[in-house]
Amino acid sequence: ALLPGETSPDARAFRLLKELKLVRVGLYPD
């Protein structure tokens, strides 16, 4: 479901990496 059409383990791993999304930014300026 996450990686439709990907079959090669390497391609799947790289595609999963591309699926990482920014969810939070925390700032600690001091």
PDB file of all heavy atoms in Angstrom:
ATOM      1  N   ALA A   1       0.838  -1.205   0.000  1.00  0.00           N
ATOM      2  CA  ALA A   1       0.000   0.000   0.000  1.00  0.00           C
ATOM      3  C   ALA A   1       0.874   1.257   0.000  1.00  0.00           C
ATOM      4  O   ALA A   1       0.560   2.248  -0.665  1.00  0.00           O
ATOM      5  CB  ALA A   1      -0.931  -0.001   1.207  1.00  0.00           C
ATOM      6  N   LEU A   2       1.964   1.202   0.735  1.00  0.00           N
ATOM      7  CA  LEU A   2       2.892   2.338   0.795  1.00  0.00           C
ATOM      8  C   LEU A   2       3.718   2.456  -0.477  1.00  0.00           C
ATOM      9  O   LEU A   2       4.080   3.560  -0.890  1.00  0.00           O
ATOM     10  CB  LEU A   2       3.864   2.169   1.969  1.00  0.00           C
ATOM     11  CG  LEU A   2       3.477   2.709   3.330  1.00  0.00           C
ATOM     12  CD1 LEU A   2       4.507   2.297   4.364  1.00  0.00           C
ATOM     13  CD2 LEU A   2       3.292   4.206   3.315  1.00  0.00           C
ATOM     14  N   LEU A   3       4.048   1.329  -1.070  1.00  0.00           N
ATOM     15  CA  LEU A   3       4.985   1.283  -2.191  1.00  0.00           C
ATOM     16  C   LEU A   3       4.387   0.549  -3.389  1.00  0.00           C
ATOM     17  O   LEU A   3       4.904  -0.494  -3.809  1.00  0.00           O
ATOM     18  CB  LEU A   3       6.266   0.565  -1.752  1.00  0.00           C
ATOM     19  CG  LEU A   3       6.914   1.061  -0.468  1.00  0.00           C
ATOM     20  CD1 LEU A   3       7.975   0.101   0.002  1.00  0.00           C
ATOM     21  CD2 LEU A   3       7.486   2.440  -0.683  1.00  0.00           C
ATOM     22  N   PRO A   4       3.300   1.061  -3.942  1.00  0.00           N
ATOM     23  CA  PRO A   4       2.669   0.334  -5.046  1.00  0.00           C
ATOM     24  C   PRO A   4       3.624   0.183  -6.234  1.00  0.00           C
ATOM     25  O   PRO A   4       4.307   1.125  -6.623  1.00  0.00           O
ATOM     26  CB  PRO A   4       1.459   1.198  -5.407  1.00  0.00           C
ATOM     27  CG  PRO A   4       1.766   2.546  -4.858  1.00  0.00           C
ATOM     28  CD  PRO A   4       2.675   2.336  -3.680  1.00  0.00           C
ATOM     29  N   GLY A   5       3.690  -1.030  -6.765  1.00  0.00           N
ATOM     30  CA  GLY A   5       4.486  -1.275  -7.966  1.00  0.00           C
ATOM     31  C   GLY A   5       5.966  -1.506  -7.746  1.00  0.00           C
ATOM     32  O   GLY A   5       6.678  -1.864  -8.669  1.00  0.00           O
ATOM     33  N   GLU A   6       6.458  -1.291  -6.519  1.00  0.00           N
ATOM     34  CA  GLU A   6       7.891  -1.502  -6.251  1.00  0.00           C
ATOM     35  C   GLU A   6       8.104  -2.948  -5.821  1.00  0.00           C
ATOM     36  O   GLU A   6       7.436  -3.439  -4.928  1.00  0.00           O
ATOM     37  CB  GLU A   6       8.394  -0.570  -5.147  1.00  0.00           C
ATOM     38  CG  GLU A   6       8.318   0.906  -5.474  1.00  0.00           C
ATOM     39  CD  GLU A   6       9.321   1.350  -6.530  1.00  0.00           C
ATOM     40  OE1 GLU A   6      10.128   0.526  -6.992  1.00  0.00           O
ATOM     41  OE2 GLU A   6       9.291   2.518  -6.904  1.00  0.00           O
ATOM     42  N   THR A   7       9.036  -3.628  -6.464  1.00  0.00           N
ATOM     43  CA  THR A   7       9.301  -5.015  -6.094  1.00  0.00           C
ATOM     44  C   THR A   7      10.725  -5.248  -5.609  1.00  0.00           C
ATOM     45  O   THR A   7      10.957  -6.043  -4.715  1.00  0.00           O
ATOM     46  CB  THR A   7       9.017  -5.960  -7.282  1.00  0.00           C
ATOM     47  OG1 THR A   7       9.772  -5.520  -8.405  1.00  0.00           O
ATOM     48  CG2 THR A   7       7.528  -5.988  -7.615  1.00  0.00           C
ATOM     49  N   SER A   8      11.686  -4.546  -6.188  1.00  0.00           N
ATOM     50  CA  SER A   8      13.077  -4.751  -5.782  1.00  0.00           C
ATOM     51  C   SER A   8      13.292  -4.216  -4.363  1.00  0.00           C
ATOM     52  O   SER A   8      12.837  -3.121  -4.034  1.00  0.00           O
ATOM     53  CB  SER A   8      14.003  -4.050  -6.786  1.00  0.00           C
ATOM     54  OG  SER A   8      14.949  -3.242  -6.148  1.00  0.00           O
ATOM     55  N   PRO A   9      13.980  -4.994  -3.505  1.00  0.00           N
ATOM     56  CA  PRO A   9      14.221  -4.526  -2.133  1.00  0.00           C
ATOM     57  C   PRO A   9      14.914  -3.159  -2.071  1.00  0.00           C
ATOM     58  O   PRO A   9      14.541  -2.317  -1.254  1.00  0.00           O
ATOM     59  CB  PRO A   9      15.091  -5.624  -1.520  1.00  0.00           C
ATOM     60  CG  PRO A   9      14.771  -6.842  -2.315  1.00  0.00           C
ATOM     61  CD  PRO A   9      14.483  -6.357  -3.708  1.00  0.00           C
ATOM     62  N   ASP A  10      15.903  -2.942  -2.929  1.00  0.00           N
ATOM     63  CA  ASP A  10      16.602  -1.656  -2.911  1.00  0.00           C
ATOM     64  C   ASP A  10      15.682  -0.517  -3.333  1.00  0.00           C
ATOM     65  O   ASP A  10      15.679   0.560  -2.718  1.00  0.00           O
ATOM     66  CB  ASP A  10      17.838  -1.684  -3.825  1.00  0.00           C
ATOM     67  CG  ASP A  10      18.967  -2.527  -3.244  1.00  0.00           C
ATOM     68  OD1 ASP A  10      18.898  -2.873  -2.039  1.00  0.00           O
ATOM     69  OD2 ASP A  10      19.913  -2.838  -3.991  1.00  0.00           O
ATOM     70  N   ALA A  11      14.904  -0.744  -4.379  1.00  0.00           N
ATOM     71  CA  ALA A  11      13.969   0.290  -4.839  1.00  0.00           C
ATOM     72  C   ALA A  11      12.919   0.568  -3.772  1.00  0.00           C
ATOM     73  O   ALA A  11      12.549   1.724  -3.540  1.00  0.00           O
ATOM     74  CB  ALA A  11      13.301  -0.141  -6.142  1.00  0.00           C
ATOM     75  N   ARG A  12      12.458  -0.481  -3.097  1.00  0.00           N
ATOM     76  CA  ARG A  12      11.464  -0.302  -2.040  1.00  0.00           C
ATOM     77  C   ARG A  12      12.042   0.514  -0.883  1.00  0.00           C
ATOM     78  O   ARG A  12      11.374   1.400  -0.350  1.00  0.00           O
ATOM     79  CB  ARG A  12      10.983  -1.649  -1.517  1.00  0.00           C
ATOM     80  CG  ARG A  12      10.102  -2.388  -2.489  1.00  0.00           C
ATOM     81  CD  ARG A  12       9.671  -3.702  -1.914  1.00  0.00           C
ATOM     82  NE  ARG A  12       8.214  -3.685  -1.835  1.00  0.00           N
ATOM     83  CZ  ARG A  12       7.504  -4.542  -1.151  1.00  0.00           C
ATOM     84  NH1 ARG A  12       8.093  -5.492  -0.462  1.00  0.00           N
ATOM     85  NH2 ARG A  12       6.193  -4.464  -1.141  1.00  0.00           N
ATOM     86  N   ALA A  13      13.262   0.212  -0.487  1.00  0.00           N
ATOM     87  CA  ALA A  13      13.893   0.935   0.618  1.00  0.00           C
ATOM     88  C   ALA A  13      14.064   2.408   0.266  1.00  0.00           C
ATOM     89  O   ALA A  13      13.753   3.294   1.069  1.00  0.00           O
ATOM     90  CB  ALA A  13      15.242   0.306   0.969  1.00  0.00           C
ATOM     91  N   PHE A  14      14.533   2.681  -0.939  1.00  0.00           N
ATOM     92  CA  PHE A  14      14.741   4.075  -1.342  1.00  0.00           C
ATOM     93  C   PHE A  14      13.406   4.803  -1.459  1.00  0.00           C
ATOM     94  O   PHE A  14      13.281   5.956  -1.061  1.00  0.00           O
ATOM     95  CB  PHE A  14      15.514   4.151  -2.669  1.00  0.00           C
ATOM     96  CG  PHE A  14      16.072   5.505  -2.934  1.00  0.00           C
ATOM     97  CD1 PHE A  14      17.131   5.999  -2.191  1.00  0.00           C
ATOM     98  CD2 PHE A  14      15.523   6.313  -3.923  1.00  0.00           C
ATOM     99  CE1 PHE A  14      17.646   7.271  -2.419  1.00  0.00           C
ATOM    100  CE2 PHE A  14      16.020   7.590  -4.156  1.00  0.00           C
ATOM    101  CZ  PHE A  14      17.096   8.059  -3.409  1.00  0.00           C
ATOM    102  N   ARG A  15      12.387   4.122  -1.948  1.00  0.00           N
ATOM    103  CA  ARG A  15      11.056   4.734  -2.069  1.00  0.00           C
ATOM    104  C   ARG A  15      10.485   5.023  -0.680  1.00  0.00           C
ATOM    105  O   ARG A  15       9.852   6.061  -0.460  1.00  0.00           O
ATOM    106  CB  ARG A  15      10.145   3.805  -2.858  1.00  0.00           C
ATOM    107  CG  ARG A  15       8.719   4.228  -2.957  1.00  0.00           C
ATOM    108  CD  ARG A  15       8.501   5.334  -3.991  1.00  0.00           C
ATOM    109  NE  ARG A  15       7.138   5.798  -3.940  1.00  0.00           N
ATOM    110  CZ  ARG A  15       6.116   5.204  -4.519  1.00  0.00           C
ATOM    111  NH1 ARG A  15       6.302   4.113  -5.232  1.00  0.00           N
ATOM    112  NH2 ARG A  15       4.904   5.679  -4.391  1.00  0.00           N
ATOM    113  N   LEU A  16      10.695   4.116   0.265  1.00  0.00           N
ATOM    114  CA  LEU A  16      10.231   4.340   1.638  1.00  0.00           C
ATOM    115  C   LEU A  16      10.925   5.563   2.226  1.00  0.00           C
ATOM    116  O   LEU A  16      10.291   6.379   2.897  1.00  0.00           O
ATOM    117  CB  LEU A  16      10.502   3.087   2.479  1.00  0.00           C
ATOM    118  CG  LEU A  16       9.579   2.810   3.644  1.00  0.00           C
ATOM    119  CD1 LEU A  16       8.126   2.808   3.251  1.00  0.00           C
ATOM    120  CD2 LEU A  16       9.945   1.502   4.315  1.00  0.00           C
ATOM    121  N   LEU A  17      12.202   5.693   1.949  1.00  0.00           N
ATOM    122  CA  LEU A  17      12.952   6.873   2.387  1.00  0.00           C
ATOM    123  C   LEU A  17      12.308   8.144   1.841  1.00  0.00           C
ATOM    124  O   LEU A  17      12.158   9.136   2.557  1.00  0.00           O
ATOM    125  CB  LEU A  17      14.408   6.754   1.916  1.00  0.00           C
ATOM    126  CG  LEU A  17      15.312   7.958   2.115  1.00  0.00           C
ATOM    127  CD1 LEU A  17      15.518   8.248   3.590  1.00  0.00           C
ATOM    128  CD2 LEU A  17      16.649   7.716   1.442  1.00  0.00           C
ATOM    129  N   LYS A  18      11.912   8.124   0.580  1.00  0.00           N
ATOM    130  CA  LYS A  18      11.281   9.292  -0.054  1.00  0.00           C
ATOM    131  C   LYS A  18       9.920   9.609   0.564  1.00  0.00           C
ATOM    132  O   LYS A  18       9.430  10.726   0.453  1.00  0.00           O
ATOM    133  CB  LYS A  18      11.102   9.053  -1.563  1.00  0.00           C
ATOM    134  CG  LYS A  18      12.390   8.966  -2.327  1.00  0.00           C
ATOM    135  CD  LYS A  18      12.934  10.334  -2.538  1.00  0.00           C
ATOM    136  CE  LYS A  18      14.038  10.329  -3.569  1.00  0.00           C
ATOM    137  NZ  LYS A  18      14.769  11.565  -3.556  1.00  0.00           N
ATOM    138  N   GLU A  19       9.308   8.611   1.211  1.00  0.00           N
ATOM    139  CA  GLU A  19       7.989   8.799   1.822  1.00  0.00           C
ATOM    140  C   GLU A  19       8.055   9.459   3.201  1.00  0.00           C
ATOM    141  O   GLU A  19       7.017   9.779   3.780  1.00  0.00           O
ATOM    142  CB  GLU A  19       7.257   7.452   1.938  1.00  0.00           C
ATOM    143  CG  GLU A  19       6.833   6.867   0.607  1.00  0.00           C
ATOM    144  CD  GLU A  19       5.814   7.742  -0.111  1.00  0.00           C
ATOM    145  OE1 GLU A  19       4.891   8.275   0.544  1.00  0.00           O
ATOM    146  OE2 GLU A  19       5.965   7.906  -1.341  1.00  0.00           O
ATOM    147  N   LEU A  20       9.259   9.639   3.749  1.00  0.00           N
ATOM    148  CA  LEU A  20       9.372  10.325   5.049  1.00  0.00           C
ATOM    149  C   LEU A  20       8.897  11.763   4.897  1.00  0.00           C
ATOM    150  O   LEU A  20       9.336  12.485   3.998  1.00  0.00           O
ATOM    151  CB  LEU A  20      10.819  10.308   5.544  1.00  0.00           C
ATOM    152  CG  LEU A  20      11.368   8.969   6.000  1.00  0.00           C
ATOM    153  CD1 LEU A  20      12.864   9.066   6.246  1.00  0.00           C
ATOM    154  CD2 LEU A  20      10.648   8.485   7.248  1.00  0.00           C
ATOM    155  N   LYS A  21       8.000  12.178   5.784  1.00  0.00           N
ATOM    156  CA  LYS A  21       7.421  13.521   5.714  1.00  0.00           C
ATOM    157  C   LYS A  21       7.742  14.300   6.984  1.00  0.00           C
ATOM    158  O   LYS A  21       7.775  13.734   8.085  1.00  0.00           O
ATOM    159  CB  LYS A  21       5.896  13.443   5.565  1.00  0.00           C
ATOM    160  CG  LYS A  21       5.420  12.630   4.393  1.00  0.00           C
ATOM    161  CD  LYS A  21       5.607  13.351   3.095  1.00  0.00           C
ATOM    162  CE  LYS A  21       4.972  12.586   1.957  1.00  0.00           C
ATOM    163  NZ  LYS A  21       5.822  12.375   0.836  1.00  0.00           N
ATOM    164  N   LEU A  22       7.938  15.591   6.803  1.00  0.00           N
ATOM    165  CA  LEU A  22       8.154  16.487   7.944  1.00  0.00           C
ATOM    166  C   LEU A  22       6.876  16.555   8.769  1.00  0.00           C
ATOM    167  O   LEU A  22       5.804  16.826   8.228  1.00  0.00           O
ATOM    168  CB  LEU A  22       8.541  17.880   7.438  1.00  0.00           C
ATOM    169  CG  LEU A  22       8.842  18.921   8.502  1.00  0.00           C
ATOM    170  CD1 LEU A  22      10.055  18.526   9.339  1.00  0.00           C
ATOM    171  CD2 LEU A  22       9.076  20.280   7.845  1.00  0.00           C
ATOM    172  N   VAL A  23       6.977  16.281  10.068  1.00  0.00           N
ATOM    173  CA  VAL A  23       5.809  16.339  10.947  1.00  0.00           C
ATOM    174  C   VAL A  23       5.953  17.379  12.058  1.00  0.00           C
ATOM    175  O   VAL A  23       4.957  17.842  12.613  1.00  0.00           O
ATOM    176  CB  VAL A  23       5.465  14.956  11.567  1.00  0.00           C
ATOM    177  CG1 VAL A  23       5.025  13.978  10.489  1.00  0.00           C
ATOM    178  CG2 VAL A  23       6.619  14.390  12.365  1.00  0.00           C
ATOM    179  N   ARG A  24       7.203  17.753  12.384  1.00  0.00           N
ATOM    180  CA  ARG A  24       7.415  18.701  13.481  1.00  0.00           C
ATOM    181  C   ARG A  24       8.736  19.421  13.289  1.00  0.00           C
ATOM    182  O   ARG A  24       9.714  18.839  12.828  1.00  0.00           O
ATOM    183  CB  ARG A  24       7.460  17.958  14.813  1.00  0.00           C
ATOM    184  CG  ARG A  24       7.798  18.860  15.989  1.00  0.00           C
ATOM    185  CD  ARG A  24       8.036  18.074  17.283  1.00  0.00           C
ATOM    186  NE  ARG A  24       8.653  18.931  18.260  1.00  0.00           N
ATOM    187  CZ  ARG A  24       9.957  18.998  18.504  1.00  0.00           C
ATOM    188  NH1 ARG A  24      10.806  18.233  17.865  1.00  0.00           N
ATOM    189  NH2 ARG A  24      10.435  19.830  19.405  1.00  0.00           N
ATOM    190  N   VAL A  25       8.743  20.704  13.695  1.00  0.00           N
ATOM    191  CA  VAL A  25       9.982  21.473  13.805  1.00  0.00           C
ATOM    192  C   VAL A  25       9.975  22.111  15.190  1.00  0.00           C
ATOM    193  O   VAL A  25       9.043  22.837  15.542  1.00  0.00           O
ATOM    194  CB  VAL A  25      10.097  22.577  12.726  1.00  0.00           C
ATOM    195  CG1 VAL A  25      11.413  23.338  12.896  1.00  0.00           C
ATOM    196  CG2 VAL A  25       9.972  22.004  11.325  1.00  0.00           C
ATOM    197  N   GLY A  26      11.001  21.805  15.970  1.00  0.00           N
ATOM    198  CA  GLY A  26      11.158  22.419  17.288  1.00  0.00           C
ATOM    199  C   GLY A  26      12.385  23.305  17.274  1.00  0.00           C
ATOM    200  O   GLY A  26      13.438  22.886  16.800  1.00  0.00           O
ATOM    201  N   LEU A  27      12.227  24.542  17.767  1.00  0.00           N
ATOM    202  CA  LEU A  27      13.351  25.473  17.833  1.00  0.00           C
ATOM    203  C   LEU A  27      13.752  25.696  19.290  1.00  0.00           C
ATOM    204  O   LEU A  27      12.886  25.848  20.160  1.00  0.00           O
ATOM    205  CB  LEU A  27      12.983  26.821  17.202  1.00  0.00           C
ATOM    206  CG  LEU A  27      13.160  26.915  15.699  1.00  0.00           C
ATOM    207  CD1 LEU A  27      12.102  26.106  14.991  1.00  0.00           C
ATOM    208  CD2 LEU A  27      13.097  28.344  15.250  1.00  0.00           C
ATOM    209  N   TYR A  28      15.069  25.725  19.514  1.00  0.00           N
ATOM    210  CA  TYR A  28      15.649  25.885  20.849  1.00  0.00           C
ATOM    211  C   TYR A  28      16.717  26.982  20.779  1.00  0.00           C
ATOM    212  O   TYR A  28      17.908  26.706  20.958  1.00  0.00           O
ATOM    213  CB  TYR A  28      16.263  24.561  21.319  1.00  0.00           C
ATOM    214  CG  TYR A  28      15.312  23.403  21.187  1.00  0.00           C
ATOM    215  CD1 TYR A  28      15.250  22.650  20.018  1.00  0.00           C
ATOM    216  CD2 TYR A  28      14.446  23.082  22.226  1.00  0.00           C
ATOM    217  CE1 TYR A  28      14.356  21.603  19.880  1.00  0.00           C
ATOM    218  CE2 TYR A  28      13.547  22.032  22.100  1.00  0.00           C
ATOM    219  CZ  TYR A  28      13.509  21.298  20.925  1.00  0.00           C
ATOM    220  OH  TYR A  28      12.616  20.266  20.796  1.00  0.00           O
ATOM    221  N   PRO A  29      16.318  28.223  20.507  1.00  0.00           N
ATOM    222  CA  PRO A  29      17.302  29.272  20.223  1.00  0.00           C
ATOM    223  C   PRO A  29      18.217  29.642  21.391  1.00  0.00           C
ATOM    224  O   PRO A  29      19.292  30.185  21.166  1.00  0.00           O
ATOM    225  CB  PRO A  29      16.448  30.466  19.799  1.00  0.00           C
ATOM    226  CG  PRO A  29      15.071  30.175  20.261  1.00  0.00           C
ATOM    227  CD  PRO A  29      14.947  28.696  20.381  1.00  0.00           C
ATOM    228  N   ASP A  30      17.805  29.330  22.625  1.00  0.00           N
ATOM    229  CA  ASP A  30      18.685  29.670  23.756  1.00  0.00           C
ATOM    230  C   ASP A  30      19.006  28.461  24.623  1.00  0.00           C
ATOM    231  O   ASP A  30      19.319  28.573  25.798  1.00  0.00           O
ATOM    232  CB  ASP A  30      18.099  30.831  24.574  1.00  0.00           C
ATOM    233  CG  ASP A  30      16.795  30.487  25.282  1.00  0.00           C
ATOM    234  OD1 ASP A  30      16.265  29.368  25.085  1.00  0.00           O
ATOM    235  OD2 ASP A  30      16.294  31.339  26.045  1.00  0.00           O
TER     236      ASP A  30
END
